[in-house]
């Protein structure tokens, strides 16, 4: 398990989100990519490697 802190200003929502709080936010660091629920930012962060993030984006893009 890797514990990475992402600064508050690092979190971004997609420009495609509808403006509500029903989306995820993403933060980038050199070693990790963080993903969290925009409705509950204190509820926890899924942290993956940049390689894992790229694999996820590739898989989603093919669906």
N, C-alpha and C. Protein backbone atom coordinates (compact mmCIF):
# COMPACT_ATOMS: atom_id res chain seq x y z
N UNK A 1 0.84 -1.19 0.00
CA UNK A 1 0.00 0.00 0.00
C UNK A 1 0.88 1.25 0.00
N UNK A 2 0.52 2.22 -0.81
CA UNK A 2 1.26 3.47 -0.92
C UNK A 2 0.39 4.59 -0.39
N UNK A 3 0.91 5.36 0.56
CA UNK A 3 0.16 6.48 1.11
C UNK A 3 0.71 7.77 0.49
N UNK A 4 -0.10 8.43 -0.32
CA UNK A 4 0.31 9.65 -0.99
C UNK A 4 -0.67 10.75 -0.62
N UNK A 5 -0.15 11.90 -0.26
CA UNK A 5 -0.99 13.06 0.02
C UNK A 5 -1.04 13.92 -1.25
N UNK A 6 -2.24 14.29 -1.65
CA UNK A 6 -2.42 15.18 -2.79
C UNK A 6 -2.87 16.53 -2.27
N UNK A 7 -2.22 17.63 -2.65
CA UNK A 7 -2.64 18.95 -2.19
C UNK A 7 -4.07 19.27 -2.64
N UNK A 8 -4.76 20.07 -1.85
CA UNK A 8 -6.16 20.41 -2.15
C UNK A 8 -6.31 20.97 -3.56
N UNK A 9 -5.38 21.79 -4.01
CA UNK A 9 -5.46 22.40 -5.33
C UNK A 9 -5.15 21.46 -6.48
N UNK A 10 -4.73 20.23 -6.18
CA UNK A 10 -4.35 19.29 -7.23
C UNK A 10 -5.55 18.58 -7.85
N UNK A 11 -6.70 18.63 -7.18
CA UNK A 11 -7.87 17.87 -7.64
C UNK A 11 -8.59 18.58 -8.77
N UNK A 12 -8.93 17.81 -9.81
CA UNK A 12 -9.62 18.36 -11.00
C UNK A 12 -10.80 17.48 -11.37
N UNK A 13 -11.87 18.13 -11.81
CA UNK A 13 -13.03 17.43 -12.37
C UNK A 13 -12.94 17.49 -13.88
N UNK A 14 -13.53 16.54 -14.52
CA UNK A 14 -13.56 16.53 -15.99
C UNK A 14 -14.35 17.73 -16.50
N UNK A 15 -13.92 18.27 -17.62
CA UNK A 15 -14.67 19.35 -18.25
C UNK A 15 -15.99 18.82 -18.82
N UNK A 16 -16.15 17.51 -18.87
CA UNK A 16 -17.38 16.89 -19.37
C UNK A 16 -18.40 16.63 -18.26
N UNK A 17 -18.04 16.91 -17.00
CA UNK A 17 -19.00 16.65 -15.93
C UNK A 17 -20.14 17.66 -16.00
N UNK A 18 -21.29 17.24 -15.54
CA UNK A 18 -22.50 18.04 -15.68
C UNK A 18 -22.61 19.20 -14.71
N UNK A 19 -21.61 19.46 -13.90
CA UNK A 19 -21.67 20.57 -12.97
C UNK A 19 -22.20 20.19 -11.61
N UNK A 20 -22.79 19.02 -11.48
CA UNK A 20 -23.25 18.54 -10.18
C UNK A 20 -22.13 17.88 -9.42
N UNK A 21 -22.49 17.29 -8.31
CA UNK A 21 -21.49 16.58 -7.51
C UNK A 21 -21.55 15.09 -7.74
N UNK A 22 -21.83 14.67 -8.95
CA UNK A 22 -21.96 13.24 -9.24
C UNK A 22 -20.85 12.75 -10.15
N UNK A 23 -19.64 13.15 -9.86
CA UNK A 23 -18.52 12.74 -10.69
C UNK A 23 -17.31 12.44 -9.82
N UNK A 24 -16.25 12.02 -10.43
CA UNK A 24 -15.01 11.79 -9.71
C UNK A 24 -14.04 12.93 -9.98
N UNK A 25 -13.08 13.04 -9.09
CA UNK A 25 -12.01 14.02 -9.26
C UNK A 25 -10.70 13.26 -9.34
N UNK A 26 -9.74 13.83 -10.06
CA UNK A 26 -8.45 13.19 -10.27
C UNK A 26 -7.34 14.16 -9.86
N UNK A 27 -6.32 13.64 -9.21
CA UNK A 27 -5.13 14.43 -8.86
C UNK A 27 -3.90 13.65 -9.34
N UNK A 28 -2.92 14.37 -9.83
CA UNK A 28 -1.71 13.74 -10.37
C UNK A 28 -0.49 14.11 -9.53
N UNK A 29 0.37 13.14 -9.33
CA UNK A 29 1.70 13.39 -8.78
C UNK A 29 2.68 12.61 -9.63
N UNK A 30 3.96 12.75 -9.37
CA UNK A 30 4.96 12.04 -10.18
C UNK A 30 4.84 10.53 -10.03
N UNK A 31 4.46 10.06 -8.84
CA UNK A 31 4.42 8.62 -8.59
C UNK A 31 3.03 8.00 -8.60
N UNK A 32 1.99 8.79 -8.38
CA UNK A 32 0.64 8.24 -8.22
C UNK A 32 -0.40 9.12 -8.88
N UNK A 33 -1.55 8.51 -9.16
CA UNK A 33 -2.73 9.22 -9.62
C UNK A 33 -3.82 8.92 -8.59
N UNK A 34 -4.43 9.97 -8.06
CA UNK A 34 -5.48 9.81 -7.07
C UNK A 34 -6.85 10.03 -7.69
N UNK A 35 -7.82 9.22 -7.25
CA UNK A 35 -9.20 9.33 -7.72
C UNK A 35 -10.09 9.35 -6.49
N UNK A 36 -11.03 10.30 -6.44
CA UNK A 36 -11.95 10.36 -5.30
C UNK A 36 -13.34 10.79 -5.77
N UNK A 37 -14.32 10.56 -4.92
CA UNK A 37 -15.71 10.93 -5.17
C UNK A 37 -15.88 12.41 -4.88
N UNK A 38 -16.39 13.17 -5.83
CA UNK A 38 -16.55 14.61 -5.62
C UNK A 38 -17.57 14.94 -4.54
N UNK A 39 -18.53 14.04 -4.30
CA UNK A 39 -19.54 14.28 -3.26
C UNK A 39 -18.96 14.11 -1.86
N UNK A 40 -17.89 13.30 -1.75
CA UNK A 40 -17.33 12.97 -0.44
C UNK A 40 -15.81 12.98 -0.52
N UNK A 41 -15.20 14.15 -0.66
CA UNK A 41 -13.75 14.21 -0.83
C UNK A 41 -12.96 13.68 0.36
N UNK A 42 -13.56 13.66 1.54
CA UNK A 42 -12.87 13.13 2.72
C UNK A 42 -13.08 11.63 2.88
N UNK A 43 -13.85 11.03 1.98
CA UNK A 43 -14.21 9.62 2.11
C UNK A 43 -13.16 8.63 1.69
N UNK A 44 -12.06 9.08 1.17
CA UNK A 44 -11.00 8.17 0.76
C UNK A 44 -10.56 8.42 -0.67
N UNK A 45 -9.38 7.94 -0.97
CA UNK A 45 -8.77 8.14 -2.28
C UNK A 45 -8.28 6.80 -2.81
N UNK A 46 -8.63 6.51 -4.04
CA UNK A 46 -8.04 5.38 -4.75
C UNK A 46 -6.77 5.90 -5.39
N UNK A 47 -5.65 5.28 -5.10
CA UNK A 47 -4.36 5.72 -5.60
C UNK A 47 -3.77 4.63 -6.48
N UNK A 48 -3.45 4.97 -7.73
CA UNK A 48 -2.89 4.00 -8.67
C UNK A 48 -1.63 4.57 -9.29
N UNK A 49 -0.82 3.69 -9.85
CA UNK A 49 0.39 4.14 -10.55
C UNK A 49 -0.01 4.83 -11.85
N UNK A 50 0.87 5.68 -12.38
CA UNK A 50 0.57 6.28 -13.69
C UNK A 50 0.36 5.22 -14.77
N UNK A 51 1.08 4.13 -14.71
CA UNK A 51 0.91 3.05 -15.68
C UNK A 51 -0.47 2.42 -15.53
N UNK A 52 -0.91 2.20 -14.29
CA UNK A 52 -2.25 1.66 -14.04
C UNK A 52 -3.34 2.61 -14.52
N UNK A 53 -3.14 3.90 -14.33
CA UNK A 53 -4.10 4.90 -14.78
C UNK A 53 -4.22 4.88 -16.31
N UNK A 54 -3.09 4.81 -16.99
CA UNK A 54 -3.11 4.75 -18.45
C UNK A 54 -3.81 3.48 -18.95
N UNK A 55 -3.61 2.37 -18.25
CA UNK A 55 -4.29 1.12 -18.61
C UNK A 55 -5.81 1.27 -18.44
N UNK A 56 -6.22 1.91 -17.35
CA UNK A 56 -7.65 2.13 -17.11
C UNK A 56 -8.24 3.02 -18.20
N UNK A 57 -7.57 4.10 -18.52
CA UNK A 57 -8.08 5.00 -19.56
C UNK A 57 -8.16 4.29 -20.90
N UNK A 58 -7.18 3.46 -21.19
CA UNK A 58 -7.21 2.70 -22.44
C UNK A 58 -8.36 1.72 -22.48
N UNK A 59 -8.62 1.05 -21.36
CA UNK A 59 -9.73 0.09 -21.30
C UNK A 59 -11.08 0.79 -21.41
N UNK A 60 -11.23 1.93 -20.78
CA UNK A 60 -12.49 2.68 -20.83
C UNK A 60 -12.72 3.20 -22.25
N UNK A 61 -11.66 3.63 -22.89
CA UNK A 61 -11.78 4.16 -24.24
C UNK A 61 -12.19 3.12 -25.27
N UNK A 62 -11.94 1.86 -24.96
CA UNK A 62 -12.30 0.78 -25.88
C UNK A 62 -13.71 0.27 -25.65
N UNK A 63 -14.35 0.69 -24.57
CA UNK A 63 -15.69 0.15 -24.27
C UNK A 63 -16.78 0.92 -24.98
